[in-house]
């Protein structure tokens, strides 16, 4: 018997409504509706067009209804840290700020005037990033916070609109840097220090919580009825890691997309001086597991280069850029992907050019050379990050699983295997949607455990192995990268 589920997966570039079908221990995924997620620039700020995204979800639900198949559940996952503010009447308070909005700098300054960084990390175990929810809220106007009745992070906000139940799923709560992973609750000391009203923050619930049936108004509008809304893992990385097809011990994962998130799955958080100084984060995964990881800028660098070239009349698809990068000479120039200049949108080729000039390296002479510079630099940063993970957990990692859209980039996968000098296993590409669906299946009793869900992934979706090559050349490049990661760039 086939059981069908819907997964709304909201990403930084696009959203999709996916149909997941589980039959005989095998999972298939089908994209029912895809829609762009284009930030809005207005008055020097960067916002998300949340109402448009929800309208697109409704359009996708109508397509699902047209299939006339029984649907067991629906759940939304999204990127973390950004939030929706709701007024007392349930209306959305606009705008919904983008995590790359420049206000975050002010938010960091405001927060640190009230509470120091050591205290923030000790309470949350979350790495420092100016875009974190805690700093965004510290940049909010008192008027908006006074008007707000409740706050929901994006994925949970969509689940609220679907079900009428306002709850925050713990994998998403953990991205906010306002959640304590030891007490499994909102951090009272941080809410008090930042003068944030506790009633703004709804109850936190475990991954895999049944919220209720689809709102009647939405059921009437879409033609769906009896559809149950669940909070699977509302944070997309939490969902993706649940679908990592790993066996045994000593493995790490890399969720590869706009952001690269590299880490390991642990039973409890690591919150100590080493973790804070290395800037790692302890986010929550399915079943209360801890994802000790680091957020790395990822393929945003490629996306922004491509967008900038398109504005100048040079159109490249991702496959062409990867081919041109493969044809370019190796290790001509490297960048430090952690440099803060790369976090903001626009003019990415110019930013890369400036870094190379400032560090006395050749400027990439073509789009292929620039993308090769980016991919090699990312792979070398992954190497450094993996060594730091091994330092924190006290054991060697024997293999890396790469999941998500970036796992389609064969060149980056090979570079990563070469840099790490361990086997790299790639796939599934649709890890986030797969994890979303499989957690729904566990919650509804259609699968017995996470181990069984990961077996479904292994049986259903192709996983490829990439073996490391060219160790001497990559070791030499690693020494160059270590210098770039420590040098002060002026």
Protein backbone atom coordinates (compact mmCIF):
# COMPACT_ATOMS: atom_id res chain seq x y z
CA UNK A 1 0.00 0.00 0.00
CA UNK A 2 1.32 3.43 -0.98
CA UNK A 3 1.13 6.30 1.50
CA UNK A 4 1.46 9.87 0.24
CA UNK A 5 2.73 12.97 2.03
CA UNK A 6 3.31 16.62 1.11
CA UNK A 7 6.48 18.52 1.99
CA UNK A 8 6.68 22.28 1.59
CA UNK A 9 10.39 23.05 1.32
CA UNK A 10 11.25 26.76 1.42
CA UNK A 11 14.78 27.63 0.35
CA UNK A 12 16.66 30.88 -0.02
CA UNK A 13 16.37 30.79 -3.84
CA UNK A 14 13.12 28.90 -4.38
CA UNK A 15 10.33 26.98 -2.74
CA UNK A 16 8.78 23.69 -3.73
CA UNK A 17 5.79 21.58 -2.83
CA UNK A 18 6.93 17.98 -3.02
CA UNK A 19 4.86 14.81 -3.11
CA UNK A 20 6.49 11.96 -1.21
CA UNK A 21 5.22 8.43 -1.72
CA UNK A 22 6.24 5.54 0.54
CA UNK A 23 5.59 2.04 -0.74
CA UNK A 24 7.18 -1.20 0.34
CA UNK A 25 10.12 0.47 2.06
CA UNK A 26 10.92 2.72 -0.89
CA UNK A 27 10.43 6.45 -1.17
CA UNK A 28 9.81 8.44 -4.33
CA UNK A 29 9.67 12.23 -4.51
CA UNK A 30 7.92 14.32 -7.13
CA UNK A 31 7.97 18.09 -7.47
CA UNK A 32 4.37 19.30 -7.77
CA UNK A 33 5.04 23.03 -7.74
CA UNK A 34 8.17 25.18 -7.77
CA UNK A 35 8.26 28.92 -7.26
CA UNK A 36 10.97 31.59 -6.94
CA UNK A 37 11.88 33.17 -3.63
CA UNK A 38 13.20 36.57 -4.59
CA UNK A 39 14.12 39.04 -1.82
CA UNK A 40 12.64 42.51 -1.99
CA UNK A 41 14.88 45.58 -1.75
CA UNK A 42 13.13 48.64 -0.35
CA UNK A 43 14.43 51.78 1.36
CA UNK A 44 17.87 50.29 1.87
CA UNK A 45 16.51 47.12 3.48
CA UNK A 46 16.15 43.53 2.34
CA UNK A 47 12.88 41.68 2.98
CA UNK A 48 11.15 38.39 2.17
CA UNK A 49 7.85 38.43 0.27
CA UNK A 50 6.15 36.04 2.68
CA UNK A 51 2.54 36.53 1.47
CA UNK A 52 3.60 35.65 -2.07
CA UNK A 53 5.33 32.49 -0.85
CA UNK A 54 2.19 31.38 0.97
CA UNK A 55 0.07 32.13 -2.10
CA UNK A 56 2.39 29.87 -4.08
CA UNK A 57 2.00 27.14 -1.48
CA UNK A 58 -1.79 27.37 -1.85
CA UNK A 59 -1.36 27.07 -5.63
CA UNK A 60 0.70 23.93 -5.03
CA UNK A 61 -1.95 22.49 -2.71
CA UNK A 62 -4.54 22.92 -5.46
CA UNK A 63 -2.29 20.91 -7.78
CA UNK A 64 -2.01 18.24 -5.10
CA UNK A 65 -5.78 18.11 -4.73
CA UNK A 66 -6.14 17.67 -8.48
CA UNK A 67 -4.27 14.36 -8.21
CA UNK A 68 -7.20 12.96 -6.21
CA UNK A 69 -4.99 10.71 -4.10
CA UNK A 70 -5.19 10.22 -0.31
CA UNK A 71 -2.67 12.38 1.53
CA UNK A 72 -1.53 11.47 5.04
CA UNK A 73 0.15 14.71 6.06
CA UNK A 74 1.91 17.95 5.22
CA UNK A 75 4.79 19.75 6.89
CA UNK A 76 6.81 22.87 6.07
CA UNK A 77 10.55 23.27 6.47
CA UNK A 78 12.56 26.40 5.78
CA UNK A 79 15.84 28.15 6.36
CA UNK A 80 16.48 29.19 9.96
CA UNK A 81 16.91 32.43 11.96
CA UNK A 82 14.35 34.61 10.13
CA UNK A 83 10.99 35.14 11.80
CA UNK A 84 7.43 36.33 11.29
CA UNK A 85 5.79 38.78 13.69
CA UNK A 86 2.04 38.46 14.15
CA UNK A 87 -0.37 41.05 15.55
CA UNK A 88 -3.04 40.13 18.10
CA UNK A 89 -5.60 39.60 15.30
CA UNK A 90 -3.29 37.07 13.61
CA UNK A 91 -2.23 39.37 10.79
CA UNK A 92 1.38 39.47 9.65
CA UNK A 93 3.36 42.55 10.63
CA UNK A 94 5.39 43.65 7.61
CA UNK A 95 8.12 43.63 6.59
CA UNK A 96 9.71 40.25 7.26
CA UNK A 97 13.41 41.06 7.28
CA UNK A 98 15.98 39.01 5.38
CA UNK A 99 18.93 37.69 7.38
CA UNK A 100 21.27 39.56 5.02
CA UNK A 101 19.65 42.90 5.82
CA UNK A 102 22.30 45.40 6.97
CA UNK A 103 20.43 46.07 10.24
CA UNK A 104 22.09 43.01 11.79
CA UNK A 105 25.29 45.00 12.44
CA UNK A 106 23.32 47.36 14.62
CA UNK A 107 21.67 44.37 16.28
CA UNK A 108 25.01 42.89 17.31
CA UNK A 109 26.07 46.20 18.87
CA UNK A 110 22.75 46.56 20.71
CA UNK A 111 22.83 42.98 22.04
CA UNK A 112 26.43 43.17 23.25
CA UNK A 113 25.60 46.31 25.23
CA UNK A 114 23.15 44.21 27.24
CA UNK A 115 24.79 40.77 27.42
CA UNK A 116 28.30 39.54 26.61
CA UNK A 117 29.19 36.92 24.01
CA UNK A 118 30.41 34.33 26.54
CA UNK A 119 27.04 34.40 28.27
CA UNK A 120 25.15 34.09 25.00
CA UNK A 121 27.21 31.06 23.96
CA UNK A 122 27.02 29.42 27.38
CA UNK A 123 23.23 29.69 27.26
CA UNK A 124 22.75 28.49 23.67
CA UNK A 125 25.84 26.73 22.31
CA UNK A 126 25.21 28.52 19.00
CA UNK A 127 28.01 29.99 16.90
CA UNK A 128 28.33 33.72 16.37
CA UNK A 129 26.73 34.95 13.18
CA UNK A 130 25.38 38.50 12.90
CA UNK A 131 22.32 37.13 11.12
CA UNK A 132 21.11 35.05 14.10
CA UNK A 133 17.61 35.76 15.41
CA UNK A 134 18.93 37.15 18.69
CA UNK A 135 20.76 39.95 16.86
CA UNK A 136 17.91 40.59 14.45
CA UNK A 137 15.55 41.08 17.39
CA UNK A 138 18.08 43.38 19.03
CA UNK A 139 17.80 45.55 15.90
CA UNK A 140 13.99 45.66 15.97
CA UNK A 141 12.13 48.88 16.67
CA UNK A 142 10.35 49.02 20.05
CA UNK A 143 7.14 49.91 18.18
CA UNK A 144 7.13 46.68 16.16
CA UNK A 145 7.93 44.54 19.19
CA UNK A 146 5.16 46.24 21.19
CA UNK A 147 2.69 45.65 18.36
CA UNK A 148 3.71 41.98 18.03
CA UNK A 149 1.55 39.37 19.75
CA UNK A 150 3.72 36.39 18.86
CA UNK A 151 6.81 35.39 16.91
CA UNK A 152 7.26 32.29 14.74
CA UNK A 153 10.26 31.33 12.65
CA UNK A 154 9.43 30.91 8.98
CA UNK A 155 8.75 27.18 8.69
CA UNK A 156 6.69 27.17 11.87
CA UNK A 157 4.83 30.25 10.68
CA UNK A 158 3.70 28.39 7.57
CA UNK A 159 2.63 25.39 9.67
CA UNK A 160 0.62 27.84 11.80
CA UNK A 161 -1.10 29.28 8.76
CA UNK A 162 -1.94 25.75 7.60
CA UNK A 163 -3.16 24.40 10.94
CA UNK A 164 -4.07 27.34 13.16
CA UNK A 165 -1.71 25.98 15.83
CA UNK A 166 1.23 28.20 16.83
CA UNK A 167 4.13 26.11 18.08
CA UNK A 168 7.89 26.20 17.48
CA UNK A 169 9.56 22.92 16.57
CA UNK A 170 12.81 22.44 18.48
CA UNK A 171 15.19 22.08 15.52
CA UNK A 172 14.02 25.50 14.35
CA UNK A 173 14.01 27.02 17.84
CA UNK A 174 17.65 26.02 18.22
CA UNK A 175 18.69 28.22 15.27
CA UNK A 176 17.46 31.37 17.01
CA UNK A 177 20.27 31.64 19.60
CA UNK A 178 17.52 32.14 22.16
CA UNK A 179 17.09 28.42 22.96
CA UNK A 180 18.93 26.52 25.68
CA UNK A 181 19.79 22.97 24.47
CA UNK A 182 20.32 21.74 28.04
CA UNK A 183 16.95 22.86 29.42
CA UNK A 184 15.24 22.37 26.03
CA UNK A 185 13.44 25.68 26.49
CA UNK A 186 13.68 29.36 25.62
CA UNK A 187 16.57 30.99 27.49
CA UNK A 188 15.05 33.07 30.29
CA UNK A 189 18.32 34.91 31.03
CA UNK A 190 18.67 36.02 27.40
CA UNK A 191 15.01 37.04 27.04
CA UNK A 192 15.36 39.09 30.23
CA UNK A 193 18.68 40.66 29.19
CA UNK A 194 17.28 41.72 25.83
CA UNK A 195 13.95 42.76 27.32
CA UNK A 196 12.00 40.39 25.07
CA UNK A 197 8.52 39.49 26.34
CA UNK A 198 8.35 35.72 27.02
CA UNK A 199 4.77 35.60 25.73
CA UNK A 200 6.07 36.46 22.24
CA UNK A 201 7.57 32.98 22.02
CA UNK A 202 5.15 30.05 21.57
CA UNK A 203 5.68 26.63 23.17
CA UNK A 204 8.54 24.51 21.85
CA UNK A 205 7.58 21.02 20.64
CA UNK A 206 9.69 18.01 19.58
CA UNK A 207 10.45 17.12 15.97
CA UNK A 208 7.57 15.06 14.72
CA UNK A 209 4.61 16.76 16.44
CA UNK A 210 1.04 16.47 15.15
CA UNK A 211 -0.43 19.99 14.99
CA UNK A 212 -3.94 19.30 13.73
CA UNK A 213 -5.99 19.21 10.55
CA UNK A 214 -5.69 21.69 7.70
CA UNK A 215 -7.73 24.84 8.39
CA UNK A 216 -11.24 24.58 7.02
CA UNK A 217 -10.86 27.74 4.93
CA UNK A 218 -7.74 26.35 3.24
CA UNK A 219 -9.36 22.95 2.78
CA UNK A 220 -12.28 24.61 1.00
CA UNK A 221 -10.03 26.82 -1.12
CA UNK A 222 -7.72 24.02 -2.23
CA UNK A 223 -10.09 21.07 -2.41
CA UNK A 224 -8.19 19.15 0.23
CA UNK A 225 -9.86 17.72 3.31
CA UNK A 226 -8.77 15.60 6.23
CA UNK A 227 -5.11 16.52 5.68
CA UNK A 228 -3.07 16.48 8.87
CA UNK A 229 -0.43 19.20 9.48
CA UNK A 230 2.72 18.12 11.28
CA UNK A 231 5.89 19.78 12.51
CA UNK A 232 8.53 17.38 11.19
CA UNK A 233 11.87 19.22 11.39
CA UNK A 234 10.92 22.79 10.56
CA UNK A 235 14.57 23.69 10.00
CA UNK A 236 15.65 22.47 6.58
CA UNK A 237 19.06 21.28 7.75
CA UNK A 238 17.46 19.25 10.54
CA UNK A 239 15.25 17.57 7.96
CA UNK A 240 18.19 17.01 5.57
CA UNK A 241 20.37 15.38 8.24
CA UNK A 242 17.52 13.00 9.13
CA UNK A 243 17.79 11.73 5.55
CA UNK A 244 21.57 11.18 5.58
CA UNK A 245 21.91 7.49 4.54
CA UNK A 246 24.66 6.78 7.08
CA UNK A 247 25.55 3.53 8.82
CA UNK A 248 27.72 2.97 11.86
CA UNK A 249 29.99 5.52 13.48
CA UNK A 250 32.70 8.05 12.55
CA UNK A 251 30.85 9.83 9.77
CA UNK A 252 30.17 13.49 9.19
CA UNK A 253 27.69 15.24 6.94
CA UNK A 254 27.76 18.25 4.67
CA UNK A 255 24.41 19.74 3.74
CA UNK A 256 25.44 21.56 0.58
CA UNK A 257 23.50 24.41 -0.98
CA UNK A 258 23.37 28.19 -0.60
CA UNK A 259 24.95 27.48 2.78
CA UNK A 260 27.27 24.59 3.56
CA UNK A 261 26.60 23.03 6.94
CA UNK A 262 29.25 20.55 8.05
CA UNK A 263 28.93 18.59 11.24
CA UNK A 264 28.31 15.40 13.18
CA UNK A 265 25.37 13.93 15.04
CA UNK A 266 25.79 13.71 18.81
CA UNK A 267 23.72 12.71 21.83
CA UNK A 268 24.43 15.89 23.79
CA UNK A 269 25.77 19.40 23.12
CA UNK A 270 29.40 20.45 23.42
CA UNK A 271 29.41 23.84 25.09
CA UNK A 272 32.90 24.78 26.21
CA UNK A 273 35.64 27.30 25.52
CA UNK A 274 37.07 25.33 22.58
CA UNK A 275 33.68 25.09 20.88
CA UNK A 276 33.06 28.81 21.39
CA UNK A 277 36.49 29.83 20.14
CA UNK A 278 36.22 27.59 17.08
CA UNK A 279 32.77 29.09 16.48
CA UNK A 280 30.80 25.84 16.23
CA UNK A 281 27.11 25.51 16.86
CA UNK A 282 24.90 22.99 18.66
CA UNK A 283 21.59 22.76 16.82
CA UNK A 284 18.90 20.20 17.57
CA UNK A 285 18.01 17.38 15.20
CA UNK A 286 15.34 14.72 15.03
CA UNK A 287 14.74 12.84 18.24
CA UNK A 288 16.52 15.46 20.34
CA UNK A 289 19.89 14.67 18.78
CA UNK A 290 22.49 17.42 18.59
CA UNK A 291 23.96 18.58 15.32
CA UNK A 292 27.41 19.91 16.18
CA UNK A 293 28.19 21.87 13.05
CA UNK A 294 29.56 24.97 11.46
CA UNK A 295 27.70 27.18 8.99
CA UNK A 296 29.88 27.92 5.96
CA UNK A 297 28.97 30.37 3.25
CA UNK A 298 28.57 27.66 0.57
CA UNK A 299 27.38 27.96 -3.02
CA UNK A 300 26.01 31.45 -2.34
CA UNK A 301 29.35 32.60 -3.75
CA UNK A 302 28.62 30.86 -7.07
CA UNK A 303 24.98 31.97 -7.11
CA UNK A 304 25.93 35.60 -6.62
CA UNK A 305 28.67 35.49 -9.29
CA UNK A 306 26.19 33.98 -11.73
CA UNK A 307 23.57 36.63 -10.90
CA UNK A 308 26.08 39.45 -11.33
CA UNK A 309 27.28 38.14 -14.69
CA UNK A 310 23.66 37.76 -15.84
CA UNK A 311 23.02 41.44 -15.05
CA UNK A 312 26.01 42.27 -17.26
CA UNK A 313 24.59 40.19 -20.12
CA UNK A 314 26.63 37.01 -19.57
CA UNK A 315 24.18 34.16 -18.95
CA UNK A 316 25.60 30.90 -17.58
CA UNK A 317 23.77 27.91 -16.20
CA UNK A 318 25.36 26.05 -13.30
CA UNK A 319 26.46 23.13 -15.47
CA UNK A 320 28.36 25.48 -17.80
CA UNK A 321 30.06 27.27 -14.92
CA UNK A 322 31.15 23.94 -13.44
CA UNK A 323 32.53 22.79 -16.80
CA UNK A 324 34.46 26.04 -17.26
CA UNK A 325 35.84 25.71 -13.74
CA UNK A 326 37.03 22.17 -14.45
CA UNK A 327 38.88 23.45 -17.53
CA UNK A 328 40.60 26.28 -15.64
CA UNK A 329 44.14 25.85 -14.18
CA UNK A 330 44.21 24.64 -10.57
CA UNK A 331 45.20 26.64 -7.47
CA UNK A 332 45.92 29.93 -9.24
CA UNK A 333 44.12 31.94 -6.55
CA UNK A 334 42.30 31.18 -3.31
CA UNK A 335 39.95 33.23 -1.17
CA UNK A 336 38.98 33.14 2.46
CA UNK A 337 35.25 32.29 2.26
CA UNK A 338 34.79 33.35 5.90
CA UNK A 339 35.64 36.99 5.06
CA UNK A 340 32.58 39.03 6.03
CA UNK A 341 32.51 40.90 2.70
CA UNK A 342 30.98 37.83 1.04
CA UNK A 343 27.89 37.72 3.29
CA UNK A 344 26.09 40.59 1.59
CA UNK A 345 24.57 40.35 -1.89
CA UNK A 346 25.74 42.07 -5.09
CA UNK A 347 29.11 42.57 -6.77
CA UNK A 348 30.49 39.15 -5.80
CA UNK A 349 33.03 38.96 -8.69
CA UNK A 350 34.33 42.39 -7.68
CA UNK A 351 34.65 41.28 -4.04
CA UNK A 352 36.61 38.18 -5.07
CA UNK A 353 38.81 40.29 -7.33
CA UNK A 354 39.50 42.74 -4.51
CA UNK A 355 40.46 39.94 -2.11
CA UNK A 356 42.92 38.46 -4.59
CA UNK A 357 44.54 41.84 -5.17
CA UNK A 358 44.76 42.57 -1.45
CA UNK A 359 46.50 39.24 -0.83
CA UNK A 360 48.92 39.54 -3.77
CA UNK A 361 47.35 36.78 -5.86
CA UNK A 362 46.45 36.77 -9.56
CA UNK A 363 42.96 38.01 -10.27
CA UNK A 364 40.81 35.24 -11.84
CA UNK A 365 40.87 35.96 -15.55
CA UNK A 366 37.57 34.38 -16.59
CA UNK A 367 34.28 33.11 -15.10
CA UNK A 368 35.69 29.58 -15.11
CA UNK A 369 38.81 30.67 -13.22
CA UNK A 370 36.71 32.55 -10.68
CA UNK A 371 34.38 29.61 -10.03
CA UNK A 372 37.36 27.26 -9.72
CA UNK A 373 38.87 29.65 -7.17
CA UNK A 374 35.61 29.55 -5.20
CA UNK A 375 35.19 25.76 -5.32
CA UNK A 376 38.80 25.02 -4.37
CA UNK A 377 38.59 27.51 -1.52
CA UNK A 378 35.37 25.96 -0.22
CA UNK A 379 36.87 22.46 -0.31
CA UNK A 380 39.92 23.63 1.63
CA UNK A 381 37.70 25.34 4.18
CA UNK A 382 35.78 22.06 4.55
CA UNK A 383 39.10 20.38 5.35
CA UNK A 384 39.89 22.85 8.09
CA UNK A 385 36.36 22.53 9.48
CA UNK A 386 36.55 18.73 9.58
CA UNK A 387 39.84 18.88 11.49
CA UNK A 388 38.19 21.19 14.01
CA UNK A 389 35.28 18.77 14.41
CA UNK A 390 37.73 15.95 15.07
CA UNK A 391 39.43 18.13 17.68
CA UNK A 392 36.14 18.84 19.46
CA UNK A 393 34.82 15.27 19.53
CA UNK A 394 38.17 13.53 20.03
CA UNK A 395 37.90 11.06 17.17
CA UNK A 396 38.72 10.77 13.48
CA UNK A 397 36.08 11.03 10.80
CA UNK A 398 36.31 8.23 8.25
CA UNK A 399 33.79 9.35 5.62
CA UNK A 400 31.72 12.38 4.66
CA UNK A 401 28.12 12.30 3.42
CA UNK A 402 27.20 15.21 1.14
CA UNK A 403 23.46 15.78 0.72
CA UNK A 404 21.32 18.51 -0.79
CA UNK A 405 21.42 20.38 -4.08
CA UNK A 406 25.17 20.93 -3.89
CA UNK A 407 25.72 17.17 -4.02
CA UNK A 408 25.03 17.43 -7.77
CA UNK A 409 28.24 19.42 -8.23
CA UNK A 410 30.62 16.60 -9.14
CA UNK A 411 33.61 18.95 -9.34
CA UNK A 412 33.12 20.30 -5.83
CA UNK A 413 32.53 16.75 -4.55
CA UNK A 414 35.85 15.62 -6.01
CA UNK A 415 37.63 18.68 -4.67
CA UNK A 416 36.16 17.93 -1.24
CA UNK A 417 37.34 14.31 -1.29
CA UNK A 418 40.78 15.49 -2.41
CA UNK A 419 41.01 18.13 0.30
CA UNK A 420 39.77 15.86 3.10
CA UNK A 421 41.55 12.72 1.85
CA UNK A 422 38.64 10.52 2.91
CA UNK A 423 35.84 8.96 0.84
CA UNK A 424 32.90 11.22 0.08
CA UNK A 425 29.41 9.73 -0.36
CA UNK A 426 26.97 11.92 -2.29
CA UNK A 427 23.19 11.93 -2.20
CA UNK A 428 20.35 12.21 -1.87
CA UNK A 429 19.94 15.52 -3.67
CA UNK A 430 16.46 15.98 -2.22
CA UNK A 431 17.57 15.25 1.34
CA UNK A 432 15.48 18.02 2.92
CA UNK A 433 12.21 16.92 1.31
CA UNK A 434 13.05 13.27 2.01
CA UNK A 435 13.73 14.00 5.67
CA UNK A 436 10.56 16.06 5.95
CA UNK A 437 8.47 13.21 4.54
CA UNK A 438 10.19 10.43 6.48
CA UNK A 439 9.76 12.24 9.81
CA UNK A 440 6.06 12.56 8.97
CA UNK A 441 5.99 8.81 8.31
CA UNK A 442 7.64 8.06 11.67
CA UNK A 443 5.27 10.43 13.49
CA UNK A 444 2.20 8.82 11.92
CA UNK A 445 3.42 5.31 12.72
CA UNK A 446 4.22 4.32 9.14
CA UNK A 447 7.92 3.80 9.95
CA UNK A 448 9.28 2.58 13.29
CA UNK A 449 12.42 4.70 13.70
CA UNK A 450 15.02 7.05 12.25
CA UNK A 451 17.22 4.02 11.52
CA UNK A 452 14.40 2.55 9.44
CA UNK A 453 13.94 5.89 7.65
CA UNK A 454 17.64 6.01 6.74
CA UNK A 455 17.38 2.46 5.44
CA UNK A 456 14.55 3.67 3.19
CA UNK A 457 16.88 6.34 1.83
CA UNK A 458 19.63 3.79 1.16
CA UNK A 459 17.16 1.50 -0.63
CA UNK A 460 15.46 4.25 -2.63
CA UNK A 461 17.97 6.87 -3.67
CA UNK A 462 21.29 6.54 -5.39
CA UNK A 463 24.37 7.21 -3.30
CA UNK A 464 27.66 7.65 -5.17
CA UNK A 465 31.17 7.29 -3.79
CA UNK A 466 34.00 9.70 -4.58
CA UNK A 467 37.53 8.60 -3.73
CA UNK A 468 40.27 11.09 -2.82
CA UNK A 469 43.05 11.92 -5.29
CA UNK A 470 46.06 14.23 -5.67
CA UNK A 471 47.03 14.40 -1.99
CA UNK A 472 50.38 16.26 -2.47
CA UNK A 473 48.85 19.12 -4.46
CA UNK A 474 45.96 19.54 -2.04
CA UNK A 475 48.22 19.39 1.01
CA UNK A 476 50.32 22.17 -0.49
CA UNK A 477 47.20 24.23 -1.22
CA UNK A 478 46.04 23.63 2.34
CA UNK A 479 49.10 25.43 3.68
CA UNK A 480 48.24 28.45 1.48
CA UNK A 481 44.67 28.42 2.72
CA UNK A 482 45.72 28.30 6.37
CA UNK A 483 47.68 31.49 5.78
CA UNK A 484 44.72 33.19 4.11
CA UNK A 485 42.40 32.16 6.95
CA UNK A 486 44.63 33.82 9.54
CA UNK A 487 45.96 36.85 7.66
CA UNK A 488 44.37 40.23 8.32
CA UNK A 489 42.98 41.50 5.06
CA UNK A 490 42.94 45.29 4.72
